Protein backbone atom coordinates (compact mmCIF):
# COMPACT_ATOMS: atom_id res chain seq x y z
CA MET A 1 -18.11 -0.99 -38.94
CA PHE A 2 -21.89 -0.81 -38.25
CA ASN A 3 -24.49 -2.21 -36.25
CA LEU A 4 -28.06 -3.75 -37.58
CA PHE A 5 -29.99 0.17 -37.25
CA GLY A 6 -27.24 0.91 -39.51
CA LYS A 7 -25.11 3.11 -37.03
CA LYS A 8 -21.54 3.32 -36.55
CA GLU A 9 -20.12 1.12 -33.69
CA SER A 10 -17.64 2.80 -31.47
CA SER A 11 -13.85 0.98 -31.63
CA PRO A 12 -12.77 -0.46 -28.22
CA ARG A 13 -10.77 2.65 -28.09
CA GLU A 14 -13.34 4.96 -28.46
CA ARG A 15 -15.04 3.26 -25.92
CA LEU A 16 -12.12 3.19 -23.56
CA ALA A 17 -12.12 7.60 -23.94
CA GLU A 18 -15.41 7.83 -23.49
CA CYS A 19 -15.56 5.84 -20.36
CA GLU A 20 -12.93 7.80 -19.31
CA ARG A 21 -14.22 10.87 -20.27
CA LYS A 22 -17.49 10.07 -18.15
CA GLN A 23 -15.07 8.59 -15.07
CA ASP A 24 -16.98 5.47 -15.54
CA TRP A 25 -15.02 3.48 -14.12
CA THR A 26 -17.14 -0.08 -14.64
CA GLY A 27 -17.19 0.52 -17.88
CA LEU A 28 -13.62 1.04 -18.41
CA VAL A 29 -13.23 -2.38 -16.46
CA LYS A 30 -15.89 -4.14 -19.15
CA ALA A 31 -14.49 -2.53 -21.86
CA TYR A 32 -10.92 -3.76 -20.99
CA TYR A 33 -12.00 -7.09 -20.26
CA GLN A 34 -13.87 -7.58 -23.55
CA MET A 35 -10.82 -6.63 -25.35
CA GLY A 36 -9.00 -9.35 -23.10
CA VAL A 37 -11.02 -11.89 -23.97
CA ASP A 38 -11.26 -11.31 -27.62
CA ALA A 39 -7.45 -11.20 -28.20
CA MET A 40 -7.59 -14.36 -25.98
CA GLU A 41 -9.99 -15.69 -28.40
CA GLN A 42 -8.11 -14.54 -31.07
CA GLY A 43 -4.84 -16.46 -30.23
CA ASN A 44 -3.24 -12.37 -29.09
CA LEU A 45 -1.87 -14.15 -25.89
CA ASN A 46 0.25 -10.96 -25.17
CA GLU A 47 -2.64 -8.34 -25.62
CA ALA A 48 -5.13 -10.82 -23.51
CA VAL A 49 -2.81 -10.39 -20.47
CA LEU A 50 -2.30 -6.58 -21.20
CA TRP A 51 -5.83 -5.87 -21.27
CA LEU A 52 -7.22 -8.46 -18.87
CA HIS A 53 -4.67 -7.09 -16.27
CA ARG A 54 -5.83 -3.74 -16.25
CA ALA A 55 -9.70 -4.71 -16.02
CA ASP A 56 -8.50 -6.81 -12.74
CA THR A 57 -6.45 -3.62 -11.48
CA ILE A 58 -9.16 -1.39 -11.93
CA TYR A 59 -11.93 -3.72 -10.45
CA SER A 60 -9.33 -4.62 -7.90
CA ALA A 61 -8.44 -1.15 -6.42
CA GLN A 62 -12.55 0.00 -5.33
CA ASP A 63 -14.96 -2.18 -3.72
CA ASP A 64 -17.81 -0.47 -5.37
CA ILE A 65 -16.04 -1.01 -8.92
CA TYR A 66 -15.64 -4.63 -7.91
CA GLU A 67 -19.25 -5.21 -6.99
CA LYS A 68 -20.64 -3.26 -10.20
CA ALA A 69 -18.40 -5.22 -12.52
CA GLY A 70 -20.06 -8.27 -10.82
CA GLU A 71 -18.82 -11.82 -9.91
CA LYS A 72 -19.23 -13.41 -13.46
CA LEU A 73 -16.98 -10.81 -15.08
CA THR A 74 -14.45 -10.65 -12.42
CA GLY A 75 -14.70 -14.58 -12.12
CA ASP A 76 -14.05 -15.14 -15.68
CA CYS A 77 -11.10 -12.25 -15.60
CA SER A 78 -9.56 -14.24 -12.93
CA ASP A 79 -9.70 -17.26 -14.40
CA ARG A 80 -8.51 -16.09 -17.74
CA ILE A 81 -4.96 -14.43 -16.07
CA GLY A 82 -4.48 -17.87 -14.73
CA GLN A 83 -4.83 -19.43 -17.81
CA LEU A 84 -2.42 -17.66 -19.22
CA GLU A 85 0.21 -17.59 -16.77
CA ASP A 86 0.51 -21.18 -18.14
CA GLU A 87 1.50 -20.00 -21.34
CA SER A 88 5.12 -19.56 -22.74
CA LEU A 89 5.25 -15.50 -22.93
CA LEU A 90 7.72 -12.84 -22.26
CA TYR A 91 5.43 -12.00 -18.93
CA ASN A 92 5.85 -15.22 -17.49
CA ASP A 93 9.15 -16.83 -18.75
CA LEU A 94 11.57 -13.47 -17.71
CA PRO A 95 10.73 -13.29 -13.82
CA ALA A 96 10.86 -17.05 -13.53
CA LEU A 97 14.37 -16.57 -15.31
CA VAL A 98 15.81 -13.62 -13.05
CA GLU A 99 14.38 -15.67 -10.25
CA GLU A 100 16.42 -18.63 -11.32
CA LYS A 101 19.75 -16.61 -12.12
CA SER A 102 19.07 -14.79 -8.46
CA GLU A 103 19.34 -18.26 -6.27
CA GLY A 104 22.85 -18.23 -7.37
CA LEU A 105 23.65 -14.89 -5.71
CA ARG A 106 24.03 -13.74 -2.15
CA TYR A 107 21.06 -11.96 -1.26
CA GLN A 108 22.77 -8.56 -0.68
CA LYS A 109 23.87 -8.84 -4.60
CA VAL A 110 20.52 -9.74 -5.41
CA ARG A 111 19.71 -6.40 -3.83
CA ILE A 112 21.84 -4.56 -5.58
CA TRP A 113 20.85 -6.12 -8.85
CA GLY A 114 17.20 -4.62 -8.03
CA LEU A 115 18.83 -1.44 -7.20
CA LEU A 116 20.88 -1.05 -10.75
CA SER A 117 17.38 -1.50 -12.68
CA LEU A 118 15.68 0.55 -10.12
CA ALA A 119 17.72 3.51 -10.77
CA ARG A 120 17.01 2.87 -14.54
CA LEU A 121 13.10 4.13 -13.54
CA VAL A 122 14.43 7.42 -12.14
CA LYS A 123 14.67 9.45 -15.47
CA LEU A 124 10.73 8.08 -16.51
CA GLY A 125 9.82 8.77 -13.13
CA ASN A 126 10.82 12.10 -12.59
CA GLN A 127 8.95 12.65 -16.42
CA LEU A 128 5.53 10.69 -14.81
CA ALA A 129 5.96 13.17 -11.67
CA LYS A 130 4.57 16.00 -13.53
CA LEU A 131 1.26 14.49 -13.83
CA PRO A 132 -1.37 15.12 -11.65
CA ASP A 133 -1.28 12.69 -8.39
CA CYS A 134 1.84 11.14 -9.79
CA GLU A 135 4.31 13.16 -8.19
CA VAL A 136 5.46 9.91 -5.87
CA LEU A 137 7.02 9.13 -8.73
CA GLY A 138 9.74 11.62 -8.90
CA LYS A 139 10.90 10.32 -5.41
CA LEU A 140 12.51 7.40 -7.17
CA ASP A 141 16.24 9.36 -7.21
CA TRP A 142 16.32 10.05 -3.49
CA ALA A 143 15.34 6.37 -2.54
CA VAL A 144 17.76 5.02 -4.94
CA ASP A 145 21.07 7.38 -3.24
CA LEU A 146 19.26 6.02 0.12
CA VAL A 147 18.92 2.70 -0.59
CA LEU A 148 22.77 2.78 -1.90
CA LYS A 149 23.90 4.75 1.00
CA SER A 150 22.01 2.12 3.65
CA PHE A 151 24.27 -0.64 2.15
CA GLN A 152 27.17 0.83 3.89
CA THR A 153 25.40 3.44 6.79
CA PRO A 154 22.41 2.57 8.64
CA PRO A 155 19.46 5.55 7.64
CA THR A 156 18.41 8.06 10.11
CA GLN A 157 15.02 7.55 11.29
CA GLU A 158 14.10 10.53 9.29
CA GLU A 159 15.06 8.50 6.29
CA PHE A 160 13.98 5.37 7.49
CA ASN A 161 10.35 6.94 7.80
CA GLY A 162 10.81 8.71 4.86
CA LEU A 163 11.14 5.02 2.99
CA ARG A 164 8.51 3.56 4.60
CA ASP A 165 5.73 6.05 3.47
CA LEU A 166 7.41 6.26 -0.16
CA CYS A 167 6.37 2.60 0.03
CA SER A 168 2.65 3.28 0.61
CA ALA A 169 2.38 5.90 -1.90
CA PHE A 170 3.72 3.49 -4.06
CA TYR A 171 0.85 0.68 -3.23
CA GLU A 172 -1.25 3.42 -2.98
CA LEU A 173 -0.83 4.82 -6.80
CA GLY A 174 -2.43 1.95 -8.35
CA ASP A 175 -5.81 2.56 -6.65
CA ASN A 176 -6.10 6.15 -7.51
CA PRO A 177 -8.03 7.02 -11.18
CA ALA A 178 -5.26 8.75 -11.79
CA PHE A 179 -3.04 5.76 -12.78
CA TRP A 180 -5.71 4.20 -14.82
CA GLY A 181 -6.26 7.08 -16.59
CA LEU A 182 -6.01 7.21 -20.57
CA GLY A 183 -5.03 11.32 -20.35
CA SER A 184 -2.26 10.52 -17.55
CA GLU A 185 0.41 10.36 -20.25
CA ILE A 186 3.56 11.70 -21.08
CA SER A 187 5.36 12.50 -24.95
CA VAL A 188 7.99 9.94 -25.78
CA PRO A 189 10.37 11.47 -28.63
CA GLY A 190 9.93 9.26 -31.70
CA GLY A 191 7.43 6.65 -29.99
CA ALA A 192 3.74 6.95 -28.96
CA PRO A 193 2.63 8.37 -25.39
CA PHE A 194 3.88 6.60 -22.50
CA GLN A 195 0.62 6.28 -20.06
CA VAL A 196 1.21 5.84 -16.43
CA PHE A 197 -0.91 2.71 -16.98
CA ASP A 198 1.77 1.18 -18.88
CA LEU A 199 3.81 0.74 -15.38
CA ASN A 200 0.64 -2.17 -14.65
CA GLY A 201 2.65 -5.02 -16.64
CA LEU A 202 4.80 -7.84 -15.03
CA MET A 203 2.75 -7.57 -11.72
CA GLY A 204 2.56 -3.76 -11.74
CA ILE A 205 6.10 -2.05 -11.55
CA HIS A 206 4.40 0.70 -8.85
CA LEU A 207 4.38 -2.54 -6.75
CA GLU A 208 7.59 -4.01 -7.40
CA MET A 209 8.79 -0.68 -6.16
CA ASP A 210 7.07 -0.74 -3.15
CA ALA A 211 8.14 -4.34 -2.85
CA TYR A 212 11.77 -3.84 -3.12
CA LEU A 213 11.80 -1.07 -0.94
CA ASP A 214 9.77 -2.81 1.90
CA SER A 215 12.67 -5.70 2.10
CA HIS A 216 14.97 -3.28 2.06
CA LEU A 217 13.76 -1.71 5.16
CA ARG A 218 12.89 -5.23 6.55
CA MET A 219 16.36 -6.51 6.00
CA ILE A 220 17.82 -3.17 7.79
CA CYS A 221 15.56 -4.10 10.51
CA ALA A 222 16.55 -7.60 10.63
CA LEU A 223 20.17 -6.78 10.56
CA VAL A 224 19.71 -4.33 13.82
CA ASN A 225 17.87 -6.97 15.62
CA ASP A 226 20.94 -9.66 14.72
CA GLU A 227 18.47 -11.45 12.83
CA GLU A 228 18.14 -13.38 9.63
CA PRO A 229 16.95 -11.01 6.78
CA PRO A 230 14.37 -11.70 4.34
CA GLU A 231 14.34 -13.14 1.05
CA PRO A 232 14.92 -10.18 -1.33
CA GLU A 233 12.72 -9.58 -3.68
CA THR A 234 13.52 -9.73 -7.29
CA GLY A 235 10.46 -8.36 -9.54
CA ILE A 236 12.24 -4.74 -9.73
CA ILE A 237 15.08 -6.04 -11.36
CA LEU A 238 12.38 -6.34 -14.46
CA GLY A 239 10.89 -3.02 -13.97
CA GLY A 240 12.50 -1.11 -17.21
CA ILE A 241 11.43 -3.40 -19.67
CA MET A 242 7.83 -2.17 -20.07
CA PRO A 243 5.92 -4.88 -21.67
CA ASP A 244 2.97 -3.13 -21.43
CA TYR A 245 3.62 0.00 -23.48
CA TYR A 246 5.03 -1.55 -26.33
CA VAL A 247 2.13 -4.47 -27.14
CA ARG A 248 -0.40 -1.57 -26.15
CA ASN A 249 1.23 -0.08 -29.17
CA GLY A 250 1.10 -2.87 -31.60
CA ALA A 251 3.93 -5.23 -30.69
CA ALA A 252 3.00 -8.94 -31.05
CA GLU A 253 6.05 -10.02 -29.62
CA PRO A 254 7.60 -7.52 -27.32
CA GLU A 255 10.92 -9.56 -26.57
CA GLU A 256 11.68 -8.45 -30.63
CA VAL A 257 11.02 -4.52 -29.81
CA PRO A 258 14.60 -3.00 -29.67
CA GLN A 259 13.95 -1.18 -26.48
CA VAL A 260 13.26 -4.62 -24.78
CA GLN A 261 16.17 -6.02 -26.19
CA ALA A 262 18.59 -3.55 -24.86
CA GLU A 263 17.25 -3.39 -21.49
CA LEU A 264 17.09 -7.07 -21.24
CA ALA A 265 20.84 -6.58 -22.16
CA ARG A 266 21.27 -4.37 -19.47
CA ILE A 267 19.92 -6.75 -17.00
CA TRP A 268 21.95 -9.47 -17.90
CA SER A 269 25.37 -7.14 -18.07
CA ASP A 270 23.88 -6.35 -14.25
CA TYR A 271 24.07 -9.68 -13.22
CA GLU A 272 27.27 -10.55 -14.74
CA PHE A 273 28.44 -7.30 -13.10
CA VAL A 274 27.07 -8.16 -9.43
CA SER A 275 28.67 -11.65 -9.92
CA SER A 276 31.54 -10.35 -9.69
CA ASP A 277 34.39 -8.71 -7.67
CA ILE A 278 32.65 -5.16 -7.37
CA SER A 279 33.22 -2.39 -4.60
CA TRP A 280 30.60 0.02 -3.67
CA GLU A 281 32.45 2.99 -5.50
CA MET A 282 31.80 0.70 -8.48
CA VAL A 283 28.31 0.16 -7.88
CA GLU A 284 28.03 3.86 -7.38
CA GLU A 285 29.24 5.28 -10.69
CA ARG A 286 26.70 2.27 -12.44
CA ILE A 287 23.70 3.90 -10.55
CA ALA A 288 24.80 7.91 -11.48
CA ALA A 289 24.99 6.39 -15.30
CA TYR A 290 21.86 4.55 -15.23
CA LYS A 291 19.78 7.59 -13.36
CA GLN A 292 20.48 9.92 -16.81
CA LEU A 293 19.29 7.15 -19.25
CA ASP A 294 15.94 6.86 -21.03
CA ILE A 295 14.78 3.53 -21.07
CA LEU A 296 12.19 4.28 -24.10
CA ALA A 297 15.06 5.63 -26.11
């Protein structure tokens, strides 16, 4: 495409790469925002969700980026995200369905359901942990094992503090430019590279990791103090869906992607599993198998 002066215009992805090279985070926000607006106006609503949420994540991370982006952009971006939340999309329908299903389970079984999904992120986390400033994702394996153990035996103070620090690290990951960077990616055999920023989907998988572990710690404190445990978090149950990855790489309907269908089958299989009469040995065996799984294969 050429402009009025006969100069070839850069593509949206080229503009993203240029902003990344210059570390122009405000420019990156504007590029993602415009891509989201264009997708929304063209009726590509999954893409609109992807790009607008990326813009929102970056300008929400740092005050100076927010101020440079300007209230007109941030306000419109927020309004558009709100409009998209009313659409029938995988991004909206799946969390609502999981929440509905969880209401029929005891709180401990909801937590186990979430832990099973968390276990399936271990292998991906270990791969992403090799990237700069993403080492925290390599601690998922330890966290899964400790949570499983702490259902039966209270953690030591050192273990409790370790999980608490991990919560903070997961939360802070989204504020780090290493999270947004287009170069922060790993290769996927037989598929397109996976970006750390692909974790941004479904309210942010890194944030759901934080929410799940924080809720678990608050449950432990409540039980120790003979108080009512907090409601379990359900967001992590969908952690392995990764819609941003598939939409970014051209899937108009992410629910039709074979890997997404396979993960959904595992989620509903886990639901049937936790709904039945299970033992901790059965949970441990299932988790051990999930930690070896490559959810992108």
